[in-house]
N, C-alpha and C. Protein backbone atom coordinates (compact mmCIF):
# COMPACT_ATOMS: atom_id res chain seq x y z
N MET A 1 -15.35 -14.31 10.78
CA MET A 1 -14.58 -13.47 11.70
C MET A 1 -14.39 -14.21 13.01
N SER A 2 -13.18 -14.21 13.50
CA SER A 2 -12.90 -14.90 14.74
C SER A 2 -13.53 -14.17 15.92
N VAL A 3 -13.72 -14.90 17.00
CA VAL A 3 -14.31 -14.31 18.20
C VAL A 3 -13.33 -13.31 18.79
N GLY A 4 -13.85 -12.15 19.21
CA GLY A 4 -12.99 -11.12 19.77
C GLY A 4 -12.27 -10.35 18.68
N LYS A 5 -11.71 -9.22 19.08
CA LYS A 5 -11.01 -8.39 18.11
C LYS A 5 -9.52 -8.68 18.10
N ALA A 6 -8.98 -8.77 16.91
CA ALA A 6 -7.53 -8.96 16.78
C ALA A 6 -6.83 -7.65 17.13
N ALA A 7 -5.63 -7.77 17.67
CA ALA A 7 -4.81 -6.60 17.99
C ALA A 7 -3.78 -6.40 16.87
N VAL A 8 -3.62 -5.15 16.46
CA VAL A 8 -2.65 -4.81 15.41
C VAL A 8 -1.75 -3.69 15.92
N LYS A 9 -0.46 -3.93 15.86
CA LYS A 9 0.50 -2.93 16.32
C LYS A 9 0.84 -1.97 15.18
N VAL A 10 0.72 -0.67 15.42
CA VAL A 10 1.04 0.35 14.42
C VAL A 10 2.48 0.81 14.63
N VAL A 11 3.27 0.75 13.56
CA VAL A 11 4.66 1.20 13.61
C VAL A 11 4.84 2.29 12.56
N ARG A 12 5.12 3.50 13.01
CA ARG A 12 5.34 4.62 12.10
C ARG A 12 6.83 4.76 11.85
N LEU A 13 7.21 4.54 10.61
CA LEU A 13 8.63 4.46 10.25
C LEU A 13 9.18 5.76 9.68
N GLY A 14 8.29 6.72 9.35
CA GLY A 14 8.78 7.94 8.72
C GLY A 14 9.21 7.67 7.29
N ARG A 15 10.17 8.45 6.78
CA ARG A 15 10.63 8.25 5.41
C ARG A 15 11.81 7.29 5.42
N MET A 16 11.75 6.30 4.55
CA MET A 16 12.83 5.32 4.47
C MET A 16 12.88 4.73 3.07
N SER A 17 14.00 4.12 2.74
CA SER A 17 14.16 3.52 1.42
C SER A 17 13.25 2.30 1.27
N TYR A 18 12.93 1.98 0.04
CA TYR A 18 12.11 0.80 -0.23
C TYR A 18 12.85 -0.45 0.23
N ARG A 19 14.14 -0.48 0.00
CA ARG A 19 14.95 -1.64 0.40
C ARG A 19 14.84 -1.89 1.91
N SER A 20 14.93 -0.82 2.69
CA SER A 20 14.87 -0.96 4.15
C SER A 20 13.50 -1.46 4.59
N ALA A 21 12.45 -0.92 3.97
CA ALA A 21 11.09 -1.35 4.33
C ALA A 21 10.86 -2.81 3.96
N LEU A 22 11.42 -3.22 2.83
CA LEU A 22 11.28 -4.61 2.39
C LEU A 22 11.97 -5.55 3.39
N LYS A 23 13.14 -5.15 3.84
CA LYS A 23 13.88 -5.96 4.81
C LYS A 23 13.12 -6.06 6.12
N LEU A 24 12.51 -4.96 6.54
CA LEU A 24 11.73 -4.96 7.79
C LEU A 24 10.51 -5.86 7.68
N GLN A 25 9.84 -5.80 6.52
CA GLN A 25 8.70 -6.69 6.31
C GLN A 25 9.12 -8.16 6.42
N GLN A 26 10.25 -8.48 5.79
CA GLN A 26 10.72 -9.86 5.82
C GLN A 26 10.99 -10.33 7.25
N GLN A 27 11.50 -9.44 8.08
CA GLN A 27 11.74 -9.79 9.48
C GLN A 27 10.44 -10.12 10.20
N HIS A 28 9.41 -9.31 9.95
CA HIS A 28 8.11 -9.55 10.58
C HIS A 28 7.48 -10.84 10.05
N ILE A 29 7.62 -11.10 8.77
CA ILE A 29 7.06 -12.32 8.18
C ILE A 29 7.74 -13.54 8.80
N LYS A 30 9.05 -13.48 8.92
CA LYS A 30 9.81 -14.60 9.49
C LYS A 30 9.33 -14.90 10.91
N GLN A 31 9.07 -13.86 11.68
CA GLN A 31 8.59 -14.05 13.05
C GLN A 31 7.22 -14.74 13.05
N HIS A 32 6.35 -14.35 12.11
CA HIS A 32 5.04 -14.99 12.01
C HIS A 32 5.17 -16.48 11.66
N LEU A 33 6.10 -16.78 10.76
CA LEU A 33 6.23 -18.16 10.27
C LEU A 33 7.02 -19.04 11.23
N ASP A 34 7.69 -18.41 12.19
CA ASP A 34 8.43 -19.17 13.20
C ASP A 34 7.44 -19.64 14.27
N SER A 35 7.26 -20.94 14.36
CA SER A 35 6.25 -21.49 15.27
C SER A 35 6.54 -21.18 16.73
N CYS A 36 7.80 -20.82 17.02
CA CYS A 36 8.16 -20.51 18.42
C CYS A 36 7.92 -19.05 18.75
N SER A 37 7.52 -18.27 17.74
CA SER A 37 7.36 -16.83 17.95
C SER A 37 5.90 -16.46 18.14
N SER A 38 5.67 -15.39 18.85
CA SER A 38 4.31 -14.86 19.00
C SER A 38 4.27 -13.45 18.43
N SER A 39 4.72 -13.32 17.19
CA SER A 39 4.80 -12.02 16.53
C SER A 39 3.42 -11.41 16.39
N PRO A 40 3.26 -10.13 16.73
CA PRO A 40 1.95 -9.50 16.61
C PRO A 40 1.65 -9.11 15.16
N ASN A 41 0.36 -9.01 14.85
CA ASN A 41 -0.03 -8.41 13.59
C ASN A 41 0.45 -6.96 13.61
N THR A 42 1.00 -6.51 12.49
CA THR A 42 1.66 -5.21 12.47
C THR A 42 1.24 -4.41 11.24
N LEU A 43 1.11 -3.11 11.43
CA LEU A 43 0.81 -2.18 10.35
C LEU A 43 1.99 -1.22 10.26
N LEU A 44 2.78 -1.37 9.19
CA LEU A 44 3.95 -0.52 8.99
C LEU A 44 3.56 0.66 8.11
N LEU A 45 3.77 1.88 8.60
CA LEU A 45 3.43 3.10 7.85
C LEU A 45 4.71 3.85 7.52
N CYS A 46 4.83 4.27 6.27
CA CYS A 46 6.04 5.02 5.89
C CYS A 46 5.81 5.81 4.62
N GLU A 47 6.83 6.60 4.28
CA GLU A 47 6.97 7.21 2.97
C GLU A 47 8.29 6.70 2.41
N HIS A 48 8.40 6.66 1.09
CA HIS A 48 9.64 6.18 0.47
C HIS A 48 10.37 7.29 -0.27
N GLU A 49 11.67 7.11 -0.39
CA GLU A 49 12.42 7.89 -1.35
C GLU A 49 11.94 7.45 -2.74
N PRO A 50 12.09 8.30 -3.77
CA PRO A 50 11.56 7.94 -5.10
C PRO A 50 12.02 6.57 -5.58
N VAL A 51 11.05 5.74 -5.93
CA VAL A 51 11.37 4.38 -6.39
C VAL A 51 10.24 3.87 -7.28
N TYR A 52 10.61 3.19 -8.36
CA TYR A 52 9.65 2.46 -9.19
C TYR A 52 9.75 1.00 -8.79
N THR A 53 8.61 0.36 -8.59
CA THR A 53 8.60 -1.06 -8.24
C THR A 53 7.69 -1.81 -9.20
N ILE A 54 8.06 -3.04 -9.47
CA ILE A 54 7.21 -3.89 -10.31
C ILE A 54 6.88 -5.16 -9.54
N GLY A 55 5.77 -5.78 -9.93
CA GLY A 55 5.31 -6.98 -9.27
C GLY A 55 5.80 -8.24 -9.96
N ILE A 56 5.04 -9.32 -9.81
CA ILE A 56 5.50 -10.63 -10.28
C ILE A 56 5.48 -10.76 -11.81
N ARG A 57 4.67 -9.92 -12.48
CA ARG A 57 4.66 -9.96 -13.96
C ARG A 57 5.74 -9.01 -14.46
N GLN A 58 6.97 -9.52 -14.60
CA GLN A 58 8.12 -8.65 -14.85
C GLN A 58 8.56 -8.59 -16.31
N ALA A 59 7.95 -9.42 -17.17
CA ALA A 59 8.39 -9.50 -18.57
C ALA A 59 8.40 -8.16 -19.30
N PRO A 60 7.40 -7.25 -19.06
CA PRO A 60 7.41 -5.99 -19.82
C PRO A 60 8.52 -5.02 -19.40
N TYR A 61 9.33 -5.40 -18.42
CA TYR A 61 10.31 -4.46 -17.89
C TYR A 61 11.73 -5.02 -17.98
N PRO A 62 12.30 -5.01 -19.20
CA PRO A 62 13.66 -5.53 -19.39
C PRO A 62 14.68 -4.59 -18.75
N PRO A 63 15.96 -4.99 -18.70
CA PRO A 63 17.00 -4.15 -18.10
C PRO A 63 17.06 -2.74 -18.68
N GLU A 64 16.76 -2.60 -19.98
CA GLU A 64 16.80 -1.27 -20.60
C GLU A 64 15.78 -0.33 -19.97
N GLU A 65 14.60 -0.87 -19.67
CA GLU A 65 13.56 -0.05 -19.05
C GLU A 65 13.96 0.30 -17.62
N GLU A 66 14.57 -0.64 -16.94
CA GLU A 66 15.05 -0.38 -15.58
C GLU A 66 16.08 0.76 -15.59
N GLN A 67 17.01 0.73 -16.53
CA GLN A 67 18.03 1.78 -16.60
C GLN A 67 17.43 3.13 -16.95
N ARG A 68 16.42 3.14 -17.83
CA ARG A 68 15.75 4.40 -18.18
C ARG A 68 15.14 5.05 -16.96
N LEU A 69 14.48 4.27 -16.14
CA LEU A 69 13.81 4.82 -14.96
C LEU A 69 14.82 5.24 -13.90
N LYS A 70 15.89 4.48 -13.75
CA LYS A 70 16.93 4.86 -12.79
C LYS A 70 17.58 6.18 -13.18
N ALA A 71 17.69 6.42 -14.49
CA ALA A 71 18.32 7.64 -14.97
C ALA A 71 17.51 8.89 -14.60
N LEU A 72 16.25 8.69 -14.25
CA LEU A 72 15.39 9.81 -13.84
C LEU A 72 15.67 10.25 -12.41
N GLY A 73 16.44 9.44 -11.69
CA GLY A 73 16.77 9.79 -10.31
C GLY A 73 16.04 8.96 -9.27
N ALA A 74 15.33 7.93 -9.72
CA ALA A 74 14.59 7.06 -8.79
C ALA A 74 15.31 5.72 -8.69
N ASP A 75 15.01 5.00 -7.63
CA ASP A 75 15.50 3.63 -7.50
C ASP A 75 14.55 2.71 -8.27
N PHE A 76 14.89 1.44 -8.37
CA PHE A 76 14.06 0.49 -9.11
C PHE A 76 14.15 -0.86 -8.42
N PHE A 77 12.99 -1.48 -8.18
CA PHE A 77 12.98 -2.78 -7.50
C PHE A 77 12.00 -3.73 -8.17
N ARG A 78 12.43 -4.98 -8.25
CA ARG A 78 11.55 -6.07 -8.67
C ARG A 78 11.11 -6.80 -7.41
N SER A 79 9.79 -6.93 -7.24
CA SER A 79 9.28 -7.49 -5.99
C SER A 79 8.38 -8.69 -6.26
N ASN A 80 7.92 -9.33 -5.18
CA ASN A 80 7.06 -10.50 -5.32
C ASN A 80 5.59 -10.18 -5.05
N ARG A 81 5.24 -8.89 -5.07
CA ARG A 81 3.83 -8.53 -4.89
C ARG A 81 3.06 -8.74 -6.18
N GLY A 82 1.74 -8.69 -6.08
CA GLY A 82 0.92 -8.72 -7.28
C GLY A 82 0.96 -7.38 -7.98
N GLY A 83 0.55 -7.36 -9.23
CA GLY A 83 0.45 -6.10 -9.96
C GLY A 83 1.66 -5.80 -10.82
N LEU A 84 1.53 -4.72 -11.59
CA LEU A 84 2.60 -4.32 -12.49
C LEU A 84 3.38 -3.16 -11.88
N ILE A 85 3.72 -2.17 -12.68
CA ILE A 85 4.63 -1.12 -12.21
C ILE A 85 3.88 0.02 -11.51
N THR A 86 4.52 0.57 -10.49
CA THR A 86 3.99 1.77 -9.84
C THR A 86 5.14 2.58 -9.29
N PHE A 87 4.81 3.74 -8.75
CA PHE A 87 5.81 4.64 -8.18
C PHE A 87 5.51 4.88 -6.71
N HIS A 88 6.56 4.93 -5.91
CA HIS A 88 6.45 5.36 -4.51
C HIS A 88 7.40 6.51 -4.29
N GLY A 89 6.97 7.48 -3.50
CA GLY A 89 7.85 8.60 -3.22
C GLY A 89 7.30 9.49 -2.12
N PRO A 90 8.02 10.55 -1.79
CA PRO A 90 7.58 11.48 -0.74
C PRO A 90 6.17 12.00 -1.03
N GLY A 91 5.39 12.15 0.03
CA GLY A 91 4.03 12.62 -0.14
C GLY A 91 3.03 11.51 -0.39
N GLN A 92 3.50 10.29 -0.38
CA GLN A 92 2.63 9.13 -0.58
C GLN A 92 2.65 8.30 0.71
N LEU A 93 1.48 8.02 1.25
CA LEU A 93 1.37 7.21 2.46
C LEU A 93 1.37 5.74 2.07
N VAL A 94 2.42 5.04 2.46
CA VAL A 94 2.55 3.62 2.16
C VAL A 94 2.23 2.82 3.41
N CYS A 95 1.39 1.83 3.25
CA CYS A 95 0.90 1.05 4.38
C CYS A 95 1.17 -0.43 4.10
N TYR A 96 2.01 -1.05 4.93
CA TYR A 96 2.34 -2.46 4.79
C TYR A 96 1.74 -3.24 5.96
N PRO A 97 0.57 -3.85 5.80
CA PRO A 97 0.05 -4.71 6.86
C PRO A 97 0.71 -6.09 6.80
N VAL A 98 1.37 -6.48 7.88
CA VAL A 98 1.90 -7.84 7.98
C VAL A 98 0.99 -8.56 8.97
N LEU A 99 0.00 -9.24 8.41
CA LEU A 99 -1.08 -9.82 9.21
C LEU A 99 -1.15 -11.33 9.01
N ASN A 100 -1.57 -12.01 10.04
CA ASN A 100 -1.92 -13.42 9.94
C ASN A 100 -3.43 -13.47 9.69
N LEU A 101 -3.81 -13.82 8.47
CA LEU A 101 -5.23 -13.79 8.13
C LEU A 101 -6.05 -14.78 8.94
N ALA A 102 -5.40 -15.71 9.61
CA ALA A 102 -6.12 -16.62 10.50
C ALA A 102 -6.77 -15.85 11.64
N CYS A 103 -6.27 -14.65 11.93
CA CYS A 103 -6.86 -13.80 12.98
C CYS A 103 -8.06 -13.03 12.45
N PHE A 104 -8.27 -13.07 11.14
CA PHE A 104 -9.35 -12.30 10.53
C PHE A 104 -10.24 -13.23 9.70
N LYS A 105 -9.85 -13.47 8.48
CA LYS A 105 -10.55 -14.42 7.61
C LYS A 105 -9.53 -14.96 6.62
N LYS A 106 -9.44 -16.27 6.50
CA LYS A 106 -8.41 -16.88 5.66
C LYS A 106 -8.83 -16.86 4.20
N SER A 107 -8.85 -15.65 3.65
CA SER A 107 -9.23 -15.46 2.25
C SER A 107 -8.47 -14.26 1.70
N VAL A 108 -7.63 -14.51 0.70
CA VAL A 108 -6.86 -13.43 0.10
C VAL A 108 -7.78 -12.47 -0.65
N ARG A 109 -8.77 -13.01 -1.34
CA ARG A 109 -9.72 -12.15 -2.06
C ARG A 109 -10.45 -11.23 -1.09
N TRP A 110 -10.91 -11.80 0.02
CA TRP A 110 -11.58 -10.99 1.04
C TRP A 110 -10.65 -9.88 1.54
N TYR A 111 -9.39 -10.23 1.77
CA TYR A 111 -8.43 -9.27 2.31
C TYR A 111 -8.24 -8.08 1.37
N VAL A 112 -8.04 -8.36 0.08
CA VAL A 112 -7.85 -7.27 -0.89
C VAL A 112 -9.10 -6.39 -0.95
N CYS A 113 -10.27 -7.01 -0.95
CA CYS A 113 -11.52 -6.23 -0.98
C CYS A 113 -11.67 -5.37 0.27
N GLU A 114 -11.25 -5.89 1.42
CA GLU A 114 -11.32 -5.11 2.65
C GLU A 114 -10.37 -3.92 2.61
N LEU A 115 -9.19 -4.10 2.04
CA LEU A 115 -8.27 -2.98 1.88
C LEU A 115 -8.90 -1.89 1.01
N GLU A 116 -9.52 -2.31 -0.09
CA GLU A 116 -10.17 -1.34 -0.97
C GLU A 116 -11.30 -0.61 -0.24
N ARG A 117 -12.13 -1.36 0.47
CA ARG A 117 -13.24 -0.74 1.20
C ARG A 117 -12.72 0.21 2.28
N MET A 118 -11.64 -0.16 2.91
CA MET A 118 -11.05 0.68 3.95
C MET A 118 -10.60 2.03 3.38
N VAL A 119 -9.96 2.00 2.21
CA VAL A 119 -9.49 3.25 1.60
C VAL A 119 -10.67 4.10 1.12
N ILE A 120 -11.70 3.44 0.60
CA ILE A 120 -12.91 4.17 0.18
C ILE A 120 -13.54 4.87 1.38
N LYS A 121 -13.57 4.17 2.51
CA LYS A 121 -14.12 4.75 3.74
C LYS A 121 -13.29 5.94 4.18
N MET A 122 -11.97 5.81 4.10
CA MET A 122 -11.08 6.91 4.48
C MET A 122 -11.27 8.12 3.57
N CYS A 123 -11.38 7.87 2.26
CA CYS A 123 -11.59 8.96 1.31
C CYS A 123 -12.90 9.70 1.60
N SER A 124 -13.93 8.96 2.01
CA SER A 124 -15.21 9.59 2.30
C SER A 124 -15.09 10.55 3.47
N GLN A 125 -14.16 10.30 4.39
CA GLN A 125 -13.93 11.22 5.50
C GLN A 125 -13.37 12.56 5.01
N PHE A 126 -12.74 12.54 3.85
CA PHE A 126 -12.26 13.78 3.23
C PHE A 126 -13.30 14.39 2.30
N GLY A 127 -14.46 13.73 2.17
CA GLY A 127 -15.48 14.22 1.25
C GLY A 127 -15.22 13.83 -0.19
N ILE A 128 -14.38 12.81 -0.39
CA ILE A 128 -14.04 12.34 -1.73
C ILE A 128 -14.79 11.05 -2.02
N GLU A 129 -15.50 11.01 -3.14
CA GLU A 129 -16.25 9.81 -3.52
C GLU A 129 -15.35 8.89 -4.34
N ALA A 130 -14.85 7.87 -3.70
CA ALA A 130 -13.96 6.91 -4.36
C ALA A 130 -14.69 5.59 -4.56
N SER A 131 -14.13 4.74 -5.41
CA SER A 131 -14.81 3.47 -5.71
C SER A 131 -13.79 2.45 -6.21
N THR A 132 -14.27 1.22 -6.35
CA THR A 132 -13.45 0.18 -6.96
C THR A 132 -13.77 0.12 -8.45
N SER A 133 -13.00 -0.68 -9.16
CA SER A 133 -13.24 -0.91 -10.58
C SER A 133 -12.80 -2.34 -10.87
N PRO A 134 -12.95 -2.83 -12.10
CA PRO A 134 -12.44 -4.16 -12.40
C PRO A 134 -10.93 -4.27 -12.17
N ASP A 135 -10.24 -3.13 -12.15
CA ASP A 135 -8.81 -3.11 -11.87
C ASP A 135 -8.59 -2.87 -10.38
N THR A 136 -7.68 -3.64 -9.77
CA THR A 136 -7.41 -3.52 -8.34
C THR A 136 -6.98 -2.11 -7.97
N GLY A 137 -7.37 -1.69 -6.78
CA GLY A 137 -7.02 -0.36 -6.30
C GLY A 137 -8.26 0.45 -6.02
N VAL A 138 -8.05 1.71 -5.66
CA VAL A 138 -9.17 2.61 -5.37
C VAL A 138 -9.09 3.80 -6.32
N TRP A 139 -10.25 4.17 -6.85
CA TRP A 139 -10.32 5.13 -7.95
C TRP A 139 -11.23 6.30 -7.64
N VAL A 140 -10.90 7.43 -8.20
CA VAL A 140 -11.80 8.58 -8.24
C VAL A 140 -12.06 8.83 -9.72
N GLY A 141 -13.23 8.41 -10.19
CA GLY A 141 -13.47 8.41 -11.63
C GLY A 141 -12.52 7.42 -12.30
N ASN A 142 -11.81 7.90 -13.33
CA ASN A 142 -10.85 7.05 -14.03
C ASN A 142 -9.43 7.23 -13.54
N ASN A 143 -9.27 7.87 -12.39
CA ASN A 143 -7.94 8.13 -11.86
C ASN A 143 -7.72 7.36 -10.55
N LYS A 144 -6.60 6.65 -10.49
CA LYS A 144 -6.30 5.86 -9.29
C LYS A 144 -5.71 6.76 -8.20
N ILE A 145 -6.31 6.69 -7.03
CA ILE A 145 -5.81 7.46 -5.89
C ILE A 145 -5.00 6.58 -4.94
N CYS A 146 -5.23 5.28 -5.02
CA CYS A 146 -4.52 4.35 -4.13
C CYS A 146 -4.24 3.04 -4.85
N ALA A 147 -2.97 2.69 -4.94
CA ALA A 147 -2.57 1.42 -5.56
C ALA A 147 -2.51 0.34 -4.48
N ILE A 148 -2.89 -0.87 -4.86
CA ILE A 148 -2.85 -2.01 -3.94
C ILE A 148 -2.15 -3.17 -4.63
N GLY A 149 -1.17 -3.73 -3.95
CA GLY A 149 -0.47 -4.91 -4.45
C GLY A 149 0.05 -5.69 -3.26
N ILE A 150 -0.34 -6.94 -3.14
CA ILE A 150 0.01 -7.70 -1.94
C ILE A 150 0.73 -9.00 -2.28
N HIS A 151 1.29 -9.60 -1.25
CA HIS A 151 1.83 -10.96 -1.33
C HIS A 151 1.29 -11.69 -0.11
N CYS A 152 1.02 -12.97 -0.26
CA CYS A 152 0.51 -13.73 0.88
C CYS A 152 1.12 -15.13 0.85
N ARG A 153 1.77 -15.50 1.93
CA ARG A 153 2.38 -16.83 2.08
C ARG A 153 1.90 -17.45 3.37
N ARG A 154 1.27 -18.60 3.24
CA ARG A 154 0.71 -19.29 4.42
C ARG A 154 -0.18 -18.34 5.22
N TYR A 155 -0.93 -17.54 4.51
CA TYR A 155 -1.89 -16.58 5.07
C TYR A 155 -1.22 -15.47 5.88
N ILE A 156 0.09 -15.24 5.66
CA ILE A 156 0.77 -14.08 6.23
C ILE A 156 0.91 -13.05 5.11
N THR A 157 0.37 -11.87 5.30
CA THR A 157 0.36 -10.86 4.24
C THR A 157 1.60 -9.97 4.30
N SER A 158 1.95 -9.42 3.14
CA SER A 158 3.00 -8.41 3.06
C SER A 158 2.70 -7.50 1.87
N HIS A 159 3.56 -6.50 1.69
CA HIS A 159 3.29 -5.41 0.76
C HIS A 159 1.97 -4.76 1.18
N GLY A 160 1.24 -4.11 0.29
CA GLY A 160 0.02 -3.46 0.77
C GLY A 160 -0.50 -2.39 -0.14
N LEU A 161 -0.56 -1.14 0.36
CA LEU A 161 -1.19 -0.07 -0.41
C LEU A 161 -0.37 1.20 -0.36
N ALA A 162 -0.59 2.03 -1.37
CA ALA A 162 0.10 3.32 -1.46
C ALA A 162 -0.93 4.38 -1.83
N LEU A 163 -1.16 5.30 -0.90
CA LEU A 163 -2.17 6.35 -1.06
C LEU A 163 -1.48 7.66 -1.42
N ASN A 164 -1.86 8.23 -2.55
CA ASN A 164 -1.28 9.51 -2.96
C ASN A 164 -1.89 10.65 -2.15
N CYS A 165 -1.06 11.32 -1.38
CA CYS A 165 -1.51 12.45 -0.55
C CYS A 165 -1.12 13.77 -1.22
N ASN A 166 0.13 14.17 -1.07
CA ASN A 166 0.62 15.33 -1.81
C ASN A 166 1.86 14.95 -2.61
N THR A 167 1.78 13.79 -3.23
CA THR A 167 2.85 13.25 -4.06
C THR A 167 3.11 14.14 -5.27
N ASP A 168 4.37 14.21 -5.70
CA ASP A 168 4.71 14.84 -6.97
C ASP A 168 4.25 13.90 -8.08
N MET A 169 3.12 14.23 -8.70
CA MET A 169 2.50 13.31 -9.64
C MET A 169 3.26 13.17 -10.96
N SER A 170 4.22 14.07 -11.20
CA SER A 170 4.95 14.01 -12.47
C SER A 170 5.78 12.72 -12.59
N TRP A 171 6.10 12.08 -11.46
CA TRP A 171 6.84 10.82 -11.53
C TRP A 171 6.05 9.75 -12.28
N PHE A 172 4.72 9.83 -12.21
CA PHE A 172 3.89 8.83 -12.88
C PHE A 172 3.87 9.01 -14.40
N ASP A 173 4.31 10.18 -14.88
CA ASP A 173 4.28 10.44 -16.32
C ASP A 173 5.26 9.55 -17.07
N ASN A 174 6.21 8.97 -16.36
CA ASN A 174 7.25 8.17 -17.01
C ASN A 174 6.89 6.70 -17.16
N ILE A 175 5.71 6.31 -16.68
CA ILE A 175 5.29 4.91 -16.72
C ILE A 175 3.81 4.84 -17.09
N VAL A 176 3.35 3.63 -17.33
CA VAL A 176 1.91 3.36 -17.42
C VAL A 176 1.55 2.76 -16.07
N PRO A 177 1.02 3.58 -15.13
CA PRO A 177 0.82 3.09 -13.76
C PRO A 177 0.00 1.80 -13.71
N CYS A 178 0.59 0.80 -13.04
CA CYS A 178 -0.06 -0.51 -12.87
C CYS A 178 -0.38 -1.17 -14.21
N GLY A 179 0.23 -0.68 -15.29
CA GLY A 179 0.04 -1.28 -16.60
C GLY A 179 -1.33 -1.05 -17.20
N ILE A 180 -2.08 -0.08 -16.67
CA ILE A 180 -3.44 0.16 -17.14
C ILE A 180 -3.46 1.35 -18.11
N VAL A 181 -3.65 1.07 -19.37
CA VAL A 181 -3.64 2.09 -20.41
C VAL A 181 -4.95 2.87 -20.40
N GLY A 182 -4.87 4.17 -20.59
CA GLY A 182 -6.07 5.00 -20.72
C GLY A 182 -6.65 5.51 -19.42
N LYS A 183 -6.00 5.20 -18.31
CA LYS A 183 -6.45 5.72 -17.02
C LYS A 183 -5.30 6.46 -16.35
N GLY A 184 -5.65 7.36 -15.43
CA GLY A 184 -4.63 8.19 -14.82
C GLY A 184 -4.49 7.98 -13.33
N VAL A 185 -3.84 8.93 -12.70
CA VAL A 185 -3.63 8.88 -11.25
C VAL A 185 -4.05 10.23 -10.66
N THR A 186 -4.38 10.21 -9.40
CA THR A 186 -4.76 11.43 -8.70
C THR A 186 -4.29 11.34 -7.25
N SER A 187 -4.57 12.37 -6.48
CA SER A 187 -4.13 12.41 -5.08
C SER A 187 -5.18 13.13 -4.25
N LEU A 188 -5.07 12.99 -2.94
CA LEU A 188 -5.96 13.73 -2.05
C LEU A 188 -5.84 15.22 -2.30
N SER A 189 -4.60 15.69 -2.45
CA SER A 189 -4.37 17.13 -2.67
C SER A 189 -5.02 17.60 -3.97
N ARG A 190 -4.88 16.82 -5.02
CA ARG A 190 -5.45 17.21 -6.32
C ARG A 190 -6.98 17.23 -6.25
N GLU A 191 -7.55 16.25 -5.59
CA GLU A 191 -9.01 16.18 -5.51
C GLU A 191 -9.59 17.30 -4.64
N LEU A 192 -8.87 17.68 -3.59
CA LEU A 192 -9.40 18.68 -2.66
C LEU A 192 -8.94 20.10 -2.99
N GLY A 193 -7.98 20.22 -3.90
CA GLY A 193 -7.50 21.54 -4.27
C GLY A 193 -6.71 22.24 -3.18
N ARG A 194 -6.11 21.45 -2.31
CA ARG A 194 -5.25 22.00 -1.24
C ARG A 194 -4.22 20.96 -0.86
N ASP A 195 -3.20 21.40 -0.14
CA ASP A 195 -2.15 20.48 0.25
C ASP A 195 -2.63 19.55 1.37
N VAL A 196 -2.52 18.26 1.14
CA VAL A 196 -2.89 17.27 2.15
C VAL A 196 -1.67 16.38 2.41
N PRO A 197 -0.91 16.65 3.46
CA PRO A 197 0.27 15.83 3.76
C PRO A 197 -0.12 14.47 4.32
N THR A 198 0.83 13.56 4.32
CA THR A 198 0.55 12.22 4.84
C THR A 198 0.14 12.26 6.30
N GLU A 199 0.68 13.21 7.06
CA GLU A 199 0.36 13.29 8.49
C GLU A 199 -1.13 13.55 8.72
N GLU A 200 -1.76 14.24 7.77
CA GLU A 200 -3.20 14.49 7.90
C GLU A 200 -4.01 13.24 7.56
N ALA A 201 -3.48 12.42 6.68
CA ALA A 201 -4.21 11.23 6.24
C ALA A 201 -4.10 10.07 7.22
N ILE A 202 -2.98 10.00 7.95
CA ILE A 202 -2.73 8.83 8.81
C ILE A 202 -3.86 8.58 9.82
N PRO A 203 -4.31 9.57 10.60
CA PRO A 203 -5.38 9.28 11.58
C PRO A 203 -6.65 8.75 10.94
N LYS A 204 -7.01 9.28 9.79
CA LYS A 204 -8.22 8.83 9.10
C LYS A 204 -8.05 7.41 8.57
N LEU A 205 -6.85 7.10 8.07
CA LEU A 205 -6.60 5.74 7.59
C LEU A 205 -6.66 4.75 8.75
N LEU A 206 -6.07 5.10 9.88
CA LEU A 206 -6.08 4.19 11.03
C LEU A 206 -7.49 3.97 11.56
N GLU A 207 -8.29 5.03 11.56
CA GLU A 207 -9.68 4.89 12.00
C GLU A 207 -10.45 3.96 11.07
N ALA A 208 -10.26 4.14 9.76
CA ALA A 208 -10.96 3.29 8.79
C ALA A 208 -10.47 1.85 8.88
N PHE A 209 -9.17 1.67 9.11
CA PHE A 209 -8.61 0.31 9.23
C PHE A 209 -9.21 -0.40 10.44
N THR A 210 -9.30 0.31 11.56
CA THR A 210 -9.86 -0.27 12.78
C THR A 210 -11.29 -0.75 12.55
N GLU A 211 -12.08 0.08 11.87
CA GLU A 211 -13.48 -0.27 11.62
C GLU A 211 -13.59 -1.43 10.62
N GLN A 212 -12.83 -1.33 9.53
CA GLN A 212 -12.99 -2.31 8.46
C GLN A 212 -12.52 -3.70 8.87
N PHE A 213 -11.44 -3.76 9.68
CA PHE A 213 -10.89 -5.05 10.07
C PHE A 213 -11.29 -5.45 11.48
N ASN A 214 -12.19 -4.69 12.09
CA ASN A 214 -12.73 -5.02 13.40
C ASN A 214 -11.62 -5.39 14.38
N CYS A 215 -10.64 -4.48 14.50
CA CYS A 215 -9.48 -4.76 15.32
C CYS A 215 -9.21 -3.62 16.29
N THR A 216 -8.30 -3.84 17.20
CA THR A 216 -7.85 -2.77 18.10
C THR A 216 -6.38 -2.48 17.75
N LEU A 217 -6.01 -1.21 17.81
CA LEU A 217 -4.66 -0.80 17.46
C LEU A 217 -3.82 -0.54 18.71
N THR A 218 -2.58 -0.95 18.66
CA THR A 218 -1.63 -0.61 19.72
C THR A 218 -0.47 0.12 19.04
N TYR A 219 0.28 0.87 19.83
CA TYR A 219 1.35 1.69 19.26
C TYR A 219 2.67 1.39 19.96
N ASN A 220 3.74 1.36 19.15
CA ASN A 220 5.05 1.05 19.73
C ASN A 220 5.70 2.30 20.30
């Protein structure tokens, strides 16, 4: 860990399309990679319109599968993050950290583990006992509550995590989430038996992020 605490700017984007969020991430990444720029580490928070996204292992998803999912009323994107297929939509808190790991620890494995630990810490604030498994992400029993898929270029991170708050879980019935057979998905609302909107989860996630990454947050 570097001396002193890194500063991370929090940007709350509200609900936006996956395409728009991807474009915004690329702008932040470009600023980081531009040696003349002093782009801050940034945490982009949003919800998406319904969309299925796949990661770098795209072979199981031919054009026919893409058209089937689009016919359900969702968008479809092929991305450069790790992992297989997942769903993003309203009621899901999506967090895109665009960080220079040189400000923290230059280890992608460490970074993914810290994201998992951060979400576990946040879940504990709700009284939910979550854990990791051999499969990436955060789990409550055999059900995934938070998907994690990242990309890292020259130690600049992008993509991130998606926490199910009060998501319409029926969207997941149309896929094998993250390509993991025999396991399911869950949400904060399902685990607590009450409605938990993203707005309730954001403060707890930011608190856990601050602690886990030993950083200070600033707001735009």
